[in-house]
Protein backbone atom coordinates (compact mmCIF):
# COMPACT_ATOMS: atom_id res chain seq x y z
CA MET A 1 74.51 105.06 111.57
CA ASN A 2 74.87 102.34 114.21
CA ILE A 3 77.97 101.28 116.13
CA ASP A 4 78.83 98.57 113.62
CA SER A 5 78.79 101.10 110.79
CA LEU A 6 81.07 103.42 112.75
CA LYS A 7 83.50 100.54 113.27
CA HIS A 8 83.58 99.87 109.54
CA TRP A 9 84.07 103.60 108.90
CA ALA A 10 87.07 103.59 111.26
CA LEU A 11 88.51 100.41 109.74
CA PHE A 12 88.00 101.81 106.24
CA SER A 13 89.73 105.09 107.15
CA ALA A 14 92.67 103.52 109.02
CA PRO A 15 95.06 102.99 106.04
CA LEU A 16 94.62 106.56 104.82
CA PHE A 17 95.04 107.98 108.32
CA LEU A 18 98.15 105.86 108.88
CA MET A 19 99.69 107.19 105.67
CA LEU A 20 98.82 110.80 106.46
CA GLY A 21 100.04 110.43 110.05
CA CYS A 22 103.42 109.14 108.84
CA LEU A 23 103.79 112.14 106.55
CA TRP A 24 102.77 114.68 109.19
CA LEU A 25 105.11 113.14 111.76
CA GLY A 26 107.96 112.42 109.35
CA PHE A 27 108.24 115.87 107.77
CA ASP A 28 108.44 119.34 109.27
CA SER A 29 106.00 120.85 106.78
CA GLU A 30 103.95 120.07 103.72
CA VAL A 31 106.49 122.00 101.66
CA ASP A 32 109.06 119.39 102.72
CA VAL A 33 106.64 116.62 101.70
CA ALA A 34 106.20 118.15 98.24
CA THR A 35 109.94 118.69 97.78
CA TYR A 36 110.81 115.14 98.84
CA PHE A 37 108.27 113.39 96.62
CA LYS A 38 109.10 115.59 93.63
CA ALA A 39 112.71 114.42 93.79
CA HIS A 40 111.70 110.83 94.58
CA SER A 41 109.28 110.57 91.66
CA GLN A 42 111.90 111.90 89.28
CA ALA A 43 114.40 109.32 90.53
CA HIS A 44 111.86 106.47 90.36
CA PRO A 45 109.82 106.87 87.16
CA MET A 46 108.52 103.29 87.28
CA LEU A 47 106.89 103.83 90.67
CA ALA A 48 105.51 107.16 89.46
CA SER A 49 104.00 105.39 86.44
CA VAL A 50 102.31 102.77 88.62
CA LEU A 51 100.87 105.41 90.92
CA LYS A 52 99.67 107.41 87.92
CA VAL A 53 97.66 104.38 86.77
CA ILE A 54 96.14 104.17 90.26
CA THR A 55 95.31 107.88 90.36
CA ASP A 56 93.85 107.91 86.83
CA TRP A 57 91.80 104.72 86.90
CA SER A 58 90.57 104.22 90.46
CA ASN A 59 87.41 106.27 90.01
CA PRO A 60 86.53 104.99 86.50
CA VAL A 61 86.54 101.42 87.85
CA PHE A 62 83.68 102.39 90.14
CA TYR A 63 81.83 104.16 87.33
CA VAL A 64 81.68 100.75 85.67
CA LEU A 65 80.79 98.95 88.91
CA TYR A 66 77.88 101.21 89.85
CA GLY A 67 76.77 101.43 86.23
CA ALA A 68 76.61 97.63 86.11
CA MET A 69 74.69 97.57 89.41
CA LEU A 70 72.16 100.04 88.04
CA ILE A 71 71.69 98.18 84.76
CA GLN A 72 71.26 94.87 86.57
CA ALA A 73 68.76 96.41 88.99
CA LEU A 74 66.74 97.82 86.08
CA ARG A 75 66.69 94.47 84.33
CA LYS A 76 65.64 92.55 87.43
CA GLY A 77 63.18 95.15 88.68
CA ASP A 78 65.24 95.53 91.88
CA PHE A 79 63.80 98.82 93.11
CA GLU A 80 65.91 99.04 96.29
CA THR A 81 69.26 98.67 94.51
CA ARG A 82 68.17 101.09 91.78
CA ARG A 83 67.05 103.58 94.40
CA TYR A 84 70.31 103.21 96.34
CA VAL A 85 72.56 103.75 93.30
CA LEU A 86 70.55 106.75 92.13
CA ILE A 87 70.71 108.32 95.59
CA LEU A 88 74.48 107.81 95.65
CA LEU A 89 74.87 109.30 92.18
CA ALA A 90 72.82 112.36 93.16
CA VAL A 91 74.83 112.94 96.36
CA GLN A 92 78.11 112.45 94.45
CA VAL A 93 77.11 115.14 91.96
CA ILE A 94 76.27 117.55 94.77
CA VAL A 95 79.36 116.88 96.89
CA ALA A 96 82.14 115.62 94.60
CA VAL A 97 81.29 117.89 91.68
CA LEU A 98 79.46 121.02 92.82
CA CYS A 99 80.81 121.45 96.36
CA VAL A 100 84.39 120.44 95.54
CA HIS A 101 84.64 122.77 92.56
CA PHE A 102 83.09 125.62 94.53
CA ILE A 103 85.60 125.16 97.37
CA LYS A 104 88.55 124.83 94.98
CA ARG A 105 87.70 128.05 93.19
CA THR A 106 86.83 129.91 96.38
CA VAL A 107 89.86 128.91 98.48
CA GLY A 108 92.50 129.05 95.73
CA ARG A 109 95.21 126.99 97.40
CA PRO A 110 98.30 126.53 95.19
CA ARG A 111 99.22 122.99 94.22
CA PRO A 112 102.55 121.61 95.49
CA SER A 113 104.24 122.67 92.24
CA GLN A 114 103.17 126.28 92.86
CA LEU A 115 104.48 126.75 96.39
CA GLN A 116 106.29 129.93 95.44
CA TYR A 117 102.89 131.62 95.07
CA ARG A 118 100.46 132.74 97.73
CA TRP A 119 96.89 131.50 97.91
CA ASP A 120 94.67 133.03 95.24
CA PRO A 121 91.01 133.02 96.39
CA ILE A 122 88.23 133.21 93.82
CA THR A 123 90.24 131.85 90.91
CA HIS A 124 89.62 129.67 87.89
CA ARG A 125 93.28 128.69 87.50
CA GLY A 126 93.74 124.95 87.95
CA THR A 127 97.15 125.38 89.53
CA PHE A 128 95.35 126.96 92.50
CA HIS A 129 92.71 124.25 92.90
CA SER A 130 94.60 122.05 95.34
CA LEU A 131 92.14 122.09 98.26
CA PRO A 132 90.35 119.72 98.56
CA SER A 133 91.42 116.63 96.63
CA GLY A 134 88.58 115.94 94.20
CA HIS A 135 89.89 112.47 93.36
CA THR A 136 89.91 111.52 97.04
CA THR A 137 86.47 113.01 97.66
CA GLU A 138 84.99 111.09 94.77
CA PHE A 139 86.76 107.81 95.52
CA VAL A 140 85.77 107.82 99.19
CA GLY A 141 82.28 108.69 98.00
CA TRP A 142 82.20 105.52 95.88
CA THR A 143 83.94 103.11 98.22
CA LEU A 144 82.77 104.01 101.73
CA PRO A 145 79.05 103.58 100.93
CA LEU A 146 79.90 100.16 99.53
CA ALA A 147 81.79 99.23 102.68
CA LEU A 148 78.91 100.40 104.87
CA ARG A 149 76.41 98.54 102.70
CA LYS A 150 78.29 95.22 102.69
CA HIS A 151 79.43 95.31 106.36
CA THR A 152 82.12 92.73 105.59
CA THR A 153 85.50 93.18 107.28
CA ALA A 154 87.54 91.92 104.32
CA ILE A 155 85.75 94.20 101.85
CA THR A 156 86.05 97.19 104.19
CA MET A 157 89.79 96.59 104.65
CA LEU A 158 90.37 96.15 100.91
CA LEU A 159 88.50 99.32 100.04
CA GLY A 160 90.33 101.20 102.80
CA ILE A 161 93.70 100.10 101.40
CA LEU A 162 92.63 101.27 97.94
CA VAL A 163 91.68 104.67 99.36
CA GLY A 164 95.06 104.88 101.09
CA LEU A 165 96.84 104.13 97.80
CA LEU A 166 94.76 106.65 95.89
CA GLY A 167 95.41 109.33 98.51
CA PHE A 168 99.14 108.59 98.51
CA SER A 169 99.28 108.72 94.71
CA ARG A 170 97.79 112.23 94.73
CA ILE A 171 100.51 113.39 97.13
CA TYR A 172 103.38 111.47 95.53
CA LEU A 173 102.61 112.78 92.04
CA GLY A 174 102.54 116.37 93.28
CA TRP A 175 98.86 117.08 92.73
CA HIS A 176 97.90 117.59 96.37
CA HIS A 177 99.13 118.30 99.87
CA PRO A 178 98.34 115.82 102.68
CA THR A 179 95.72 118.20 104.12
CA ASP A 180 94.00 118.34 100.71
CA VAL A 181 93.63 114.57 100.82
CA PHE A 182 92.35 114.72 104.40
CA PHE A 183 89.62 117.20 103.49
CA GLY A 184 88.80 115.04 100.49
CA TRP A 185 88.26 112.15 102.89
CA MET A 186 85.97 114.33 105.00
CA LEU A 187 83.81 115.32 102.04
CA GLY A 188 83.72 111.77 100.72
CA SER A 189 82.68 110.55 104.16
CA PHE A 190 79.86 113.07 104.12
CA THR A 191 78.75 111.59 100.80
CA ALA A 192 78.68 108.13 102.38
CA LEU A 193 76.84 109.36 105.47
CA ALA A 194 74.24 111.25 103.45
CA THR A 195 73.73 108.32 101.09
CA THR A 196 73.31 105.88 103.97
CA VAL A 197 70.88 108.10 105.87
CA ILE A 198 68.74 108.83 102.81
CA ALA A 199 68.78 105.20 101.65
CA ASP A 200 67.66 104.03 105.10
CA SER A 201 64.82 106.55 105.18
CA THR A 202 61.42 106.36 103.49
CA LEU A 203 62.34 109.09 101.02
CA PHE A 204 61.41 108.19 97.43
CA ARG A 205 59.73 104.99 98.58
CA LYS A 206 56.06 105.95 98.91
CA LYS A 207 55.62 107.18 95.37
CA ALA A 208 57.33 104.11 93.97
CA ASN A 209 55.07 101.78 95.94
CA ALA A 210 51.89 103.75 95.33
């Protein structure tokens, strides 16, 4: 990654970091964050409904987007776009599916609604799969590669705001702690980095051009 890509990564991450920073500075603990937003969501069901739409549909929108990119690339014989999307899909499966589920089951952190319980490592119970945020991991994994590929300030800022909203929705609705979202961002950023590095390499090119 060059300096320009790092700048876009920082710009992309800024809204999420700003939101997380406000929560870490504004509350004494993540228990206080969970308690506050539980009461707030109950008092403001309309806002909770809007954020639920964001949390439920943010990733599916990008399923459609990348699916359309792949179909169009196949129709036009655009090998580079096809290769890029397939690399991203493969890395997403490894990171956002396999790695995230392994960590969730291994760590066993209770979700905000289960704060009365201790951590339960090596568990299959969903109420102890808080760390990391799978939604955040996956969404960053879809959006950051796009920002790094386009290298357009407006697109990077827009995608960064969407990530901030998605991350906030996971916390507000009581599915995750702020640190869960942070580690989701880290894993999603790894997806973007790996995708970018592999896509810029000669891997899978020689056979296709042979």
